Amino acid sequence: MPSSSAPDPVSPLTPPVPLASLLAREDLALRQIAGPSGPGVVVHAAHASELADPSPYLLGGELLLTAGVHIPEAAAGSGAGFDDYVARIVAAGGAALGFGLAPVHDTVPPALVAACDTHGLPLVEVPPRTTFSGVARAVWQLMAEVRLAELRRVAEAQQGLAAAAARPDPVPSVLRRLARQVNGWAVLYGPDGAEIASAGRPAPAEARQALARLADVVRPGANRWADGPARLAGPAPASATDTVAGAHLAAYGLGVGQGFVLGVAAARRDPGDHTVASVAAVLLSLLTGAHRGGTEAARSAALVRLLLGAPPDEAAALLGAERWIVVHGRPDERPPGTVAASALGAALGSPLVDLGDGVVRVLVPADREPTPCPGWTLGVSAAAGPGEWPAADAQAARALARARATRVPLVRHGARPALAELVGPAEAQAHARALLDPIAATPALTETLRAWLSLHGSWDRTAVALSVHRNTVRQRIARCATLLDADLDDPDVRMELWFALRQMR
């Protein structure tokens, strides 16, 4: 099943550090004594804990450091509890375990070595002269070095793509540059799914077929995963990724939603590749703008008909959509100008932009679901027909006010249908399954959300009820909000989720 995602930030996320790079540091003198090794073993952070069960406090990818304070000498000799201890770390996503020698233990307990081998957890011996803080500092130093190198690579790639877009054959040039940058294959699909242009080393046939299906996922109007039966709960995503036949695939919807899609296939996917491909997608959006035949003429005709007294429905029909969304936007730093307003319209996929009183208003076709735009705070109305545009404009204004008050990038008005509109238990259960599907496979998330809602959003009482730390509750609820794409501060959303959870019992 392909995964969808919103565009990443402009800079790539901090990449992980290979465990081998830490082992190569002579000043640390670390030694791996159990578990798998190689370039595929990476760590995202270093965390020290002497708890008998540190798993509730792990986010995944950590090098967990311990001196074995929680392990009595008698237990160390018998090996009691080591298998369960290591199993919990692995289940929580821990990347490796570092065991410090002295002051508690002179050697790493053999039973711990055996448990790490059994569960496939890399075990590193930390000598007495190496402090845990020194190991953590080395991890962050290595991460900073890798991130700096990746940022430089991304910056150079952006400059190269911009230069390619200025060539006489801009579309093929951008594709060639992107293919070289990711060391793979880049293809531009047309609205009908045909390959318009491509460059680089072609992917295997199976991967090419999967990439074409992935392009259908992000193409506006897509309402179904191409390789699965589940319908999308909303419009097509801005981008989607998958891995097929050893190739990392990514597809990016272009421009104002006219159906052009950029596809990328490569043998590996580095942290900055998404950013590089996103820049290429923006450039190709501009370059394919000439293929939007009739757009400007339709806008002019719609305006003339309105000025001559035609009803809004007749004028709106010329613009190619029956239902629309009103978006109000304010930039985070300075009052918007005409350039900024046009840029927001381009980001939202609509040329219908109005600037006034420090607010940019954009009329967007309902099949182009607005997503957060960096540097902007947005309020989004419910979908409405032309006769309902004034009400939708008021909805967007209220949503923008809420977004600014709660300091979130985007707030939607009435984005979810209410359970009260569903008839019968079968329909209610189907609605609940669709609503909770993003978290249904993780019982810890559903149970935490259920407890948190039942306790009116109290972090402390939820932590007590679930016997976990309050920070764990916060992390899980934040994860729920992200996966569900929901504003959990909205009482309407809380109510609907509560009824959905009751249906899923």
Protein backbone atom coordinates (compact mmCIF):
# COMPACT_ATOMS: atom_id res chain seq x y z
CA MET A 1 0.00 0.00 0.00
CA PRO A 2 1.53 3.34 -0.97
CA SER A 3 1.82 6.04 1.67
CA SER A 4 0.79 9.64 1.17
CA SER A 5 2.42 12.66 2.69
CA ALA A 6 2.31 16.40 2.70
CA PRO A 7 5.40 18.19 1.36
CA ASP A 8 8.38 18.18 3.66
CA PRO A 9 9.89 21.38 5.04
CA VAL A 10 12.27 23.26 2.76
CA SER A 11 15.29 21.77 4.52
CA PRO A 12 15.66 17.99 4.91
CA LEU A 13 15.04 16.34 8.23
CA THR A 14 18.11 15.51 10.32
CA PRO A 15 19.43 12.21 8.92
CA PRO A 16 20.34 9.30 11.21
CA VAL A 17 23.90 8.32 12.09
CA PRO A 18 25.28 4.89 11.17
CA LEU A 19 26.25 2.99 14.29
CA ALA A 20 29.50 2.13 12.51
CA SER A 21 30.43 5.84 12.55
CA LEU A 22 30.19 5.88 16.34
CA LEU A 23 32.20 2.68 16.61
CA ALA A 24 34.89 4.25 14.42
CA ARG A 25 35.41 7.14 16.87
CA GLU A 26 38.69 6.37 18.63
CA ASP A 27 37.95 8.85 21.41
CA LEU A 28 34.88 6.83 22.42
CA ALA A 29 36.50 3.37 22.22
CA LEU A 30 33.10 1.70 21.82
CA ARG A 31 32.97 -1.99 20.94
CA GLN A 32 30.02 -3.92 19.50
CA ILE A 33 29.69 -7.33 21.12
CA ALA A 34 26.29 -8.58 19.94
CA GLY A 35 23.54 -8.06 17.42
CA PRO A 36 23.57 -7.11 13.74
CA SER A 37 26.04 -4.66 12.25
CA GLY A 38 26.61 -2.92 8.95
CA PRO A 39 25.58 0.32 7.20
CA GLY A 40 21.87 -0.42 7.71
CA VAL A 41 22.14 -0.06 11.50
CA VAL A 42 21.52 3.62 12.27
CA VAL A 43 20.59 5.69 15.32
CA HIS A 44 18.47 8.83 15.45
CA ALA A 45 19.34 9.91 19.01
CA ALA A 46 21.05 8.83 22.22
CA HIS A 47 19.05 8.37 25.42
CA ALA A 48 20.24 7.29 28.89
CA SER A 49 17.89 5.44 31.23
CA GLU A 50 18.30 3.19 34.26
CA LEU A 51 14.66 2.17 34.36
CA ALA A 52 13.83 -1.52 34.40
CA ASP A 53 11.42 -0.79 31.54
CA PRO A 54 12.45 2.28 29.52
CA SER A 55 10.22 1.41 26.55
CA PRO A 56 7.40 3.91 27.35
CA TYR A 57 9.90 6.76 26.94
CA LEU A 58 11.41 5.67 23.61
CA LEU A 59 10.24 7.30 20.38
CA GLY A 60 12.14 4.86 18.16
CA GLY A 61 15.65 4.86 16.71
CA GLU A 62 17.49 5.62 19.96
CA LEU A 63 20.83 4.32 21.15
CA LEU A 64 19.73 3.46 24.70
CA LEU A 65 22.55 3.88 27.24
CA THR A 66 22.48 2.13 30.61
CA ALA A 67 24.96 1.24 33.35
CA GLY A 68 22.75 -1.60 34.55
CA VAL A 69 21.81 0.14 37.83
CA HIS A 70 18.43 -1.61 37.62
CA ILE A 71 20.12 -5.01 37.35
CA PRO A 72 21.18 -6.49 40.74
CA GLU A 73 24.41 -8.48 40.70
CA ALA A 74 22.53 -11.66 41.55
CA ALA A 75 20.14 -11.13 38.66
CA ALA A 76 23.05 -10.38 36.33
CA GLY A 77 24.55 -13.75 37.15
CA SER A 78 21.32 -15.66 36.65
CA GLY A 79 20.24 -13.77 33.55
CA ALA A 80 16.74 -13.24 34.93
CA GLY A 81 14.71 -10.66 33.06
CA PHE A 82 17.19 -9.86 30.29
CA ASP A 83 15.12 -11.43 27.53
CA ASP A 84 12.05 -9.42 28.50
CA TYR A 85 14.13 -6.23 28.91
CA VAL A 86 15.62 -6.51 25.42
CA ALA A 87 12.30 -7.55 23.87
CA ARG A 88 10.64 -4.40 25.24
CA ILE A 89 13.38 -2.18 23.81
CA VAL A 90 13.06 -3.80 20.38
CA ALA A 91 9.26 -3.52 20.45
CA ALA A 92 9.57 0.20 21.25
CA GLY A 93 11.83 0.72 18.24
CA GLY A 94 15.18 1.07 20.03
CA ALA A 95 18.04 0.99 17.51
CA ALA A 96 20.86 -0.22 19.78
CA LEU A 97 21.81 -0.72 23.43
CA GLY A 98 24.95 0.73 24.99
CA PHE A 99 26.07 -0.91 28.27
CA GLY A 100 28.46 1.09 30.41
CA LEU A 101 31.15 -0.69 32.42
CA ALA A 102 31.60 0.61 35.97
CA PRO A 103 30.57 1.63 38.49
CA VAL A 104 27.98 -1.16 38.78
CA HIS A 105 29.24 -3.95 36.51
CA ASP A 106 32.78 -4.84 35.49
CA THR A 107 31.66 -6.79 32.44
CA VAL A 108 28.58 -6.97 30.27
CA PRO A 109 26.35 -9.77 31.63
CA PRO A 110 26.59 -12.76 29.26
CA ALA A 111 22.81 -13.25 29.45
CA LEU A 112 22.33 -9.71 28.10
CA VAL A 113 24.67 -10.49 25.20
CA ALA A 114 22.65 -13.64 24.43
CA ALA A 115 19.33 -11.77 24.62
CA CYS A 116 20.54 -9.07 22.23
CA ASP A 117 21.70 -11.73 19.76
CA THR A 118 18.35 -13.50 20.06
CA HIS A 119 16.27 -10.36 19.42
CA GLY A 120 18.61 -8.77 16.87
CA LEU A 121 19.47 -5.70 18.97
CA PRO A 122 22.99 -4.30 18.50
CA LEU A 123 24.81 -4.26 21.86
CA VAL A 124 27.72 -1.87 22.39
CA GLU A 125 30.17 -1.99 25.29
CA VAL A 126 30.96 1.46 26.68
CA PRO A 127 34.33 1.57 28.50
CA PRO A 128 34.64 3.21 31.96
CA ARG A 129 36.45 6.28 30.63
CA THR A 130 33.69 7.11 28.14
CA THR A 131 30.76 9.05 29.58
CA PHE A 132 27.22 8.71 28.33
CA SER A 133 27.10 12.44 27.75
CA GLY A 134 30.18 12.08 25.55
CA VAL A 135 28.45 9.40 23.49
CA ALA A 136 25.33 11.58 23.14
CA ARG A 137 27.45 14.57 22.11
CA ALA A 138 29.22 12.46 19.49
CA VAL A 139 25.84 11.37 18.07
CA TRP A 140 24.69 14.97 17.71
CA GLN A 141 28.03 16.03 16.21
CA LEU A 142 27.84 13.30 13.59
CA MET A 143 24.22 14.17 12.86
CA ALA A 144 25.16 17.83 12.41
CA GLU A 145 27.95 16.88 10.00
CA VAL A 146 25.65 14.66 7.92
CA ARG A 147 22.90 17.28 7.93
CA LEU A 148 25.29 20.02 6.82
CA ALA A 149 26.52 17.86 3.95
CA GLU A 150 22.93 17.08 2.98
CA LEU A 151 21.94 20.75 3.10
CA ARG A 152 24.83 21.60 0.81
CA ARG A 153 23.80 18.85 -1.57
CA VAL A 154 20.19 20.09 -1.60
CA ALA A 155 21.27 23.71 -2.16
CA GLU A 156 23.47 22.72 -5.09
CA ALA A 157 20.66 20.59 -6.52
CA GLN A 158 18.21 23.50 -6.28
CA GLN A 159 20.62 25.78 -8.14
CA GLY A 160 21.13 23.13 -10.81
CA LEU A 161 17.40 22.62 -11.27
CA ALA A 162 16.81 26.37 -11.56
CA ALA A 163 19.51 26.58 -14.23
CA ALA A 164 17.97 23.63 -16.07
CA ALA A 165 14.55 25.35 -16.06
CA ALA A 166 16.12 28.32 -17.86
CA ARG A 167 17.36 26.23 -20.80
CA PRO A 168 15.62 26.25 -24.20
CA ASP A 169 14.24 22.73 -23.49
CA PRO A 170 13.29 23.29 -19.84
CA VAL A 171 11.10 20.25 -19.10
CA PRO A 172 13.56 17.60 -20.37
CA SER A 173 16.43 19.53 -18.77
CA VAL A 174 14.77 19.56 -15.35
CA LEU A 175 14.01 15.84 -15.61
CA ARG A 176 17.61 15.06 -16.63
CA ARG A 177 18.99 17.11 -13.75
CA LEU A 178 16.63 15.49 -11.24
CA ALA A 179 17.46 12.00 -12.51
CA ARG A 180 21.18 12.67 -12.05
CA GLN A 181 20.61 14.11 -8.60
CA VAL A 182 18.71 11.08 -7.28
CA ASN A 183 20.74 8.64 -9.40
CA GLY A 184 17.57 7.16 -10.84
CA TRP A 185 14.70 7.80 -13.26
CA ALA A 186 12.41 10.85 -13.53
CA VAL A 187 9.24 10.95 -15.60
CA LEU A 188 6.48 13.49 -16.28
CA TYR A 189 3.00 12.03 -16.69
CA GLY A 190 0.22 13.88 -18.48
CA PRO A 191 -3.38 14.23 -17.26
CA ASP A 192 -4.29 11.02 -19.11
CA GLY A 193 -1.47 9.06 -17.46
CA ALA A 194 0.77 8.95 -20.53
CA GLU A 195 4.51 9.54 -20.19
CA ILE A 196 5.21 12.98 -21.65
CA ALA A 197 8.97 12.97 -21.03
CA SER A 198 11.50 11.03 -19.00
CA ALA A 199 15.20 10.98 -18.22
CA GLY A 200 17.79 8.85 -16.46
CA ARG A 201 18.21 5.13 -16.04
CA PRO A 202 14.77 3.49 -16.57
CA ALA A 203 13.42 1.59 -13.58
CA PRO A 204 12.51 -2.11 -13.82
CA ALA A 205 9.22 -2.81 -15.57
CA GLU A 206 7.47 -3.76 -12.32
CA ALA A 207 8.61 -0.55 -10.65
CA ARG A 208 7.55 1.54 -13.68
CA GLN A 209 4.07 0.04 -13.59
CA ALA A 210 3.83 0.69 -9.84
CA LEU A 211 5.01 4.29 -10.35
CA ALA A 212 2.30 4.86 -12.98
CA ARG A 213 -0.29 3.59 -10.48
CA LEU A 214 1.19 5.83 -7.81
CA ALA A 215 0.80 8.79 -10.16
CA ASP A 216 -2.91 7.99 -10.37
CA VAL A 217 -3.08 8.27 -6.58
CA VAL A 218 -1.87 11.88 -6.49
CA ARG A 219 -3.59 12.99 -9.69
CA PRO A 220 -6.56 15.29 -8.89
CA GLY A 221 -9.81 13.38 -8.97
CA ALA A 222 -8.23 10.11 -7.80
CA ASN A 223 -10.58 8.43 -5.35
CA ARG A 224 -8.93 5.07 -4.89
CA TRP A 225 -5.52 3.51 -4.28
CA ALA A 226 -4.57 1.88 -7.55
CA ASP A 227 -3.36 -1.34 -5.90
CA GLY A 228 -5.86 -1.66 -3.11
CA PRO A 229 -9.59 -1.64 -2.50
CA ALA A 230 -9.75 1.08 0.16
CA ARG A 231 -11.23 4.39 -0.94
CA LEU A 232 -9.46 7.56 0.04
CA ALA A 233 -11.23 9.49 2.81
CA GLY A 234 -10.52 12.76 0.98
CA PRO A 235 -8.88 14.21 -2.13
CA ALA A 236 -5.70 12.90 -3.68
CA PRO A 237 -2.55 13.64 -1.63
CA ALA A 238 0.09 16.12 -2.77
CA SER A 239 2.68 13.33 -2.87
CA ALA A 240 2.89 9.61 -2.29
CA THR A 241 5.71 7.09 -1.88
CA ASP A 242 6.13 3.33 -2.22
CA THR A 243 8.86 0.72 -2.60
CA VAL A 244 8.53 -1.92 -5.34
CA ALA A 245 11.11 -4.33 -6.80
CA GLY A 246 13.87 -2.70 -4.77
CA ALA A 247 13.11 0.75 -6.17
CA HIS A 248 12.03 3.72 -4.04
CA LEU A 249 9.13 5.40 -5.80
CA ALA A 250 7.65 8.88 -5.31
CA ALA A 251 4.95 10.80 -7.16
CA TYR A 252 4.17 14.52 -6.91
CA GLY A 253 1.04 16.25 -8.16
CA LEU A 254 1.92 19.39 -10.10
CA GLY A 255 0.58 22.90 -10.26
CA VAL A 256 -3.05 23.84 -9.99
CA GLY A 257 -4.37 20.33 -10.22
CA GLN A 258 -4.68 19.89 -14.02
CA GLY A 259 -3.41 16.31 -13.82
CA PHE A 260 0.34 16.52 -14.47
CA VAL A 261 2.40 14.29 -12.16
CA LEU A 262 6.14 13.99 -11.57
CA GLY A 263 7.36 10.45 -10.88
CA VAL A 264 10.75 9.48 -9.43
CA ALA A 265 12.28 6.01 -9.07
CA ALA A 266 15.67 5.37 -7.50
CA ALA A 267 17.60 2.54 -5.90
CA ARG A 268 17.93 4.52 -2.65
CA ARG A 269 16.24 7.51 -1.05
CA ASP A 270 18.41 9.97 0.85
CA PRO A 271 16.89 12.41 3.39
CA GLY A 272 17.12 15.42 1.06
CA ASP A 273 15.76 13.70 -2.05
CA HIS A 274 12.16 14.61 -1.25
CA THR A 275 13.11 18.28 -0.99
CA VAL A 276 15.00 18.14 -4.28
CA ALA A 277 12.11 16.42 -6.05
CA SER A 278 9.65 18.93 -4.55
CA VAL A 279 11.67 21.80 -6.04
CA ALA A 280 11.61 20.04 -9.40
CA ALA A 281 7.85 19.61 -9.04
CA VAL A 282 7.40 23.35 -8.43
CA LEU A 283 9.48 24.21 -11.49
CA LEU A 284 7.61 21.71 -13.65
CA SER A 285 4.33 23.16 -12.36
CA LEU A 286 5.34 26.53 -13.76
CA LEU A 287 6.63 25.02 -16.99
CA THR A 288 3.47 23.01 -17.61
CA GLY A 289 1.30 26.06 -16.97
CA ALA A 290 1.15 26.70 -20.68
CA HIS A 291 -0.85 23.48 -21.05
CA ARG A 292 -3.77 24.77 -18.99
CA GLY A 293 -5.59 25.76 -22.16
CA GLY A 294 -8.64 27.91 -21.76
CA THR A 295 -8.18 28.80 -18.10
CA GLU A 296 -7.68 32.53 -18.58
CA ALA A 297 -10.42 32.72 -21.20
CA ALA A 298 -12.85 30.90 -18.89
CA ARG A 299 -12.07 33.30 -16.05
CA SER A 300 -12.63 36.32 -18.26
CA ALA A 301 -15.89 34.90 -19.57
CA ALA A 302 -17.11 34.15 -16.03
CA LEU A 303 -16.30 37.70 -14.90
CA VAL A 304 -18.07 39.25 -17.90
CA ARG A 305 -21.19 37.16 -17.30
CA LEU A 306 -21.28 38.20 -13.64
CA LEU A 307 -20.92 41.88 -14.60
CA LEU A 308 -23.74 41.49 -17.11
CA GLY A 309 -26.06 40.09 -14.47
CA ALA A 310 -25.77 36.32 -14.91
CA PRO A 311 -26.42 34.24 -11.76
CA PRO A 312 -23.31 32.92 -9.92
CA ASP A 313 -24.12 29.31 -10.89
CA GLU A 314 -23.91 30.10 -14.60
CA ALA A 315 -20.64 31.99 -14.25
CA ALA A 316 -19.09 29.36 -11.99
CA ALA A 317 -19.83 26.63 -14.53
CA LEU A 318 -17.30 28.26 -16.87
CA LEU A 319 -14.58 27.71 -14.27
CA GLY A 320 -14.97 23.94 -14.36
CA ALA A 321 -16.21 23.08 -10.86
CA GLU A 322 -19.59 22.82 -9.20
CA ARG A 323 -18.47 23.19 -5.59
CA TRP A 324 -15.77 25.42 -4.16
CA ILE A 325 -13.81 26.09 -0.98
CA VAL A 326 -12.99 29.57 0.31
CA VAL A 327 -9.58 29.97 1.94
CA HIS A 328 -8.52 32.98 4.02
CA GLY A 329 -4.80 33.39 4.60
CA ARG A 330 -2.51 35.68 6.55
CA PRO A 331 1.30 35.56 6.32
CA ASP A 332 3.06 34.93 9.60
CA GLU A 333 5.59 37.76 9.37
CA ARG A 334 4.46 40.77 7.30
CA PRO A 335 1.31 42.07 5.57
CA PRO A 336 0.70 40.33 2.24
CA GLY A 337 1.44 41.98 -1.06
CA THR A 338 0.29 41.10 -4.55
CA VAL A 339 3.26 38.79 -5.15
CA ALA A 340 2.66 36.95 -1.89
CA ALA A 341 -1.05 36.68 -2.67
CA SER A 342 -0.34 35.19 -6.10
CA ALA A 343 2.16 32.78 -4.55
CA LEU A 344 -0.46 31.57 -2.07
CA GLY A 345 -2.96 31.07 -4.89
CA ALA A 346 -0.39 29.04 -6.83
CA ALA A 347 0.36 26.93 -3.75
CA LEU A 348 -3.34 26.23 -3.26
CA GLY A 349 -3.82 25.50 -6.95
CA SER A 350 -6.11 28.34 -7.93
CA PRO A 351 -5.68 31.64 -9.82
CA LEU A 352 -8.84 33.07 -8.20
CA VAL A 353 -7.19 35.31 -5.60
CA ASP A 354 -8.30 38.48 -3.83
CA LEU A 355 -6.13 40.68 -1.58
CA GLY A 356 -7.65 43.08 0.89
CA ASP A 357 -7.36 44.27 4.52
CA GLY A 358 -4.30 42.15 5.19
CA VAL A 359 -6.10 38.92 4.24
CA VAL A 360 -5.71 36.91 1.06
CA ARG A 361 -8.88 35.15 -0.08
CA VAL A 362 -8.62 32.26 -2.52
CA LEU A 363 -11.49 30.43 -4.22
CA VAL A 364 -10.40 26.81 -4.66
CA PRO A 365 -12.27 23.97 -6.43
CA ALA A 366 -13.54 21.50 -3.84
CA ASP A 367 -11.49 18.62 -5.30
CA ARG A 368 -8.24 20.41 -4.40
CA GLU A 369 -8.11 20.08 -0.62
CA PRO A 370 -5.95 22.90 0.82
CA THR A 371 -2.92 21.86 2.88
CA PRO A 372 -0.73 23.96 5.21
CA CYS A 373 1.55 26.42 3.44
CA PRO A 374 4.85 27.35 5.15
CA GLY A 375 4.80 30.94 6.41
CA TRP A 376 0.99 31.24 6.26
CA THR A 377 -1.94 30.78 8.64
CA LEU A 378 -5.03 29.53 6.82
CA GLY A 379 -8.75 29.23 7.49
CA VAL A 380 -10.69 26.90 5.20
CA SER A 381 -14.46 26.83 4.62
CA ALA A 382 -16.64 23.84 3.89
CA ALA A 383 -17.31 23.04 0.24
CA ALA A 384 -20.10 25.23 -1.13
CA GLY A 385 -21.95 25.95 -4.33
CA PRO A 386 -21.77 29.42 -5.92
CA GLY A 387 -24.95 30.57 -4.17
CA GLU A 388 -23.36 29.71 -0.81
CA TRP A 389 -20.09 31.55 -1.36
CA PRO A 390 -20.88 34.42 1.05
CA ALA A 391 -21.56 31.92 3.86
CA ALA A 392 -18.39 30.02 2.98
CA ASP A 393 -16.46 33.29 3.09
CA ALA A 394 -17.70 33.86 6.65
CA GLN A 395 -16.75 30.29 7.59
CA ALA A 396 -13.22 30.80 6.29
CA ALA A 397 -12.90 34.05 8.25
CA ARG A 398 -13.94 32.31 11.48
CA ALA A 399 -11.60 29.40 10.78
CA LEU A 400 -8.70 31.82 10.21
CA ALA A 401 -9.45 33.54 13.51
CA ARG A 402 -9.38 30.18 15.30
CA ALA A 403 -6.15 29.19 13.56
CA ARG A 404 -4.46 32.42 14.65
CA ALA A 405 -5.79 32.08 18.21
CA THR A 406 -4.58 28.50 18.56
CA ARG A 407 -1.35 29.12 16.61
CA VAL A 408 -1.87 26.30 14.15
CA PRO A 409 -1.13 26.61 10.42
CA LEU A 410 -4.56 25.57 9.16
CA VAL A 411 -8.09 25.18 10.54
CA ARG A 412 -11.00 23.75 8.57
CA HIS A 413 -14.65 24.51 9.10
CA GLY A 414 -16.95 21.51 9.27
CA ALA A 415 -14.61 19.16 7.46
CA ARG A 416 -16.14 15.98 8.85
CA PRO A 417 -19.66 14.59 8.52
CA ALA A 418 -21.41 14.07 11.84
CA LEU A 419 -22.38 10.63 13.08
CA ALA A 420 -25.88 11.95 13.70
CA GLU A 421 -26.32 12.05 9.93
CA LEU A 422 -25.68 8.33 9.60
CA VAL A 423 -28.58 5.91 9.74
CA GLY A 424 -28.35 2.56 11.48
CA PRO A 425 -25.52 0.80 13.33
CA ALA A 426 -23.94 -0.66 10.19
CA GLU A 427 -23.45 2.78 8.68
CA ALA A 428 -22.20 4.17 12.01
CA GLN A 429 -19.64 1.39 12.32
CA ALA A 430 -18.48 1.88 8.75
CA HIS A 431 -18.04 5.59 9.43
CA ALA A 432 -16.13 4.83 12.63
CA ARG A 433 -13.81 2.41 10.85
CA ALA A 434 -13.05 4.95 8.12
CA LEU A 435 -12.49 7.75 10.64
CA LEU A 436 -10.22 5.74 12.95
CA ASP A 437 -8.44 3.71 10.28
CA PRO A 438 -5.14 5.68 10.54
CA ILE A 439 -4.74 4.62 14.22
CA ALA A 440 -6.77 1.41 14.36
CA ALA A 441 -3.71 -0.82 13.90
CA THR A 442 -2.01 0.66 17.00
CA PRO A 443 -3.98 -0.26 20.14
CA ALA A 444 -1.81 2.00 22.30
CA LEU A 445 -2.98 5.02 20.30
CA THR A 446 -6.68 4.12 20.26
CA GLU A 447 -6.76 3.30 23.98
CA THR A 448 -4.84 6.45 24.88
CA LEU A 449 -7.21 8.56 22.77
CA ARG A 450 -10.22 6.84 24.37
CA ALA A 451 -8.91 7.46 27.90
CA TRP A 452 -7.86 11.03 27.13
CA LEU A 453 -11.26 11.92 25.69
CA SER A 454 -13.11 10.25 28.56
CA LEU A 455 -11.07 12.31 31.03
CA HIS A 456 -11.76 15.60 29.21
CA GLY A 457 -8.23 15.97 27.91
CA SER A 458 -6.45 15.74 31.26
CA TRP A 459 -2.84 14.67 30.72
CA ASP A 460 -2.20 13.75 34.35
CA ARG A 461 -5.36 11.72 34.92
CA THR A 462 -4.88 9.90 31.61
CA ALA A 463 -1.29 9.06 32.56
CA VAL A 464 -2.50 7.64 35.87
CA ALA A 465 -5.29 5.68 34.20
CA LEU A 466 -2.89 4.09 31.68
CA SER A 467 0.08 3.76 34.09
CA VAL A 468 2.37 5.69 31.75
CA HIS A 469 4.24 8.98 31.97
CA ARG A 470 2.33 12.16 31.09
CA ASN A 471 4.85 12.88 28.34
CA THR A 472 3.98 9.53 26.80
CA VAL A 473 0.32 10.59 26.79
CA ARG A 474 1.23 13.88 25.08
CA GLN A 475 3.31 12.09 22.44
CA ARG A 476 0.56 9.59 21.69
CA ILE A 477 -2.16 12.22 21.46
CA ALA A 478 0.05 14.33 19.18
CA ARG A 479 0.58 11.26 17.03
CA CYS A 480 -3.18 10.65 16.91
CA ALA A 481 -3.78 14.24 15.82
CA THR A 482 -1.21 13.89 13.04
CA LEU A 483 -2.44 10.54 11.75
CA LEU A 484 -6.11 11.54 11.94
CA ASP A 485 -5.36 15.00 10.50
CA ALA A 486 -7.70 16.40 13.14
CA ASP A 487 -7.77 19.40 15.47
CA LEU A 488 -8.22 17.70 18.85
CA ASP A 489 -8.80 21.08 20.47
CA ASP A 490 -12.08 21.32 18.55
CA PRO A 491 -14.96 20.04 20.75
CA ASP A 492 -16.88 18.91 17.65
CA VAL A 493 -13.95 16.75 16.58
CA ARG A 494 -13.61 15.34 20.10
CA MET A 495 -17.30 14.47 20.19
CA GLU A 496 -17.20 12.70 16.84
CA LEU A 497 -14.07 10.74 17.75
CA TRP A 498 -15.64 9.72 21.05
CA PHE A 499 -18.72 8.31 19.33
CA ALA A 500 -16.54 6.59 16.74
CA LEU A 501 -14.48 4.96 19.50
CA ARG A 502 -17.67 3.75 21.14
CA GLN A 503 -18.73 2.14 17.87
CA MET A 504 -15.36 0.36 17.62
CA ARG A 505 -15.63 -1.42 21.01
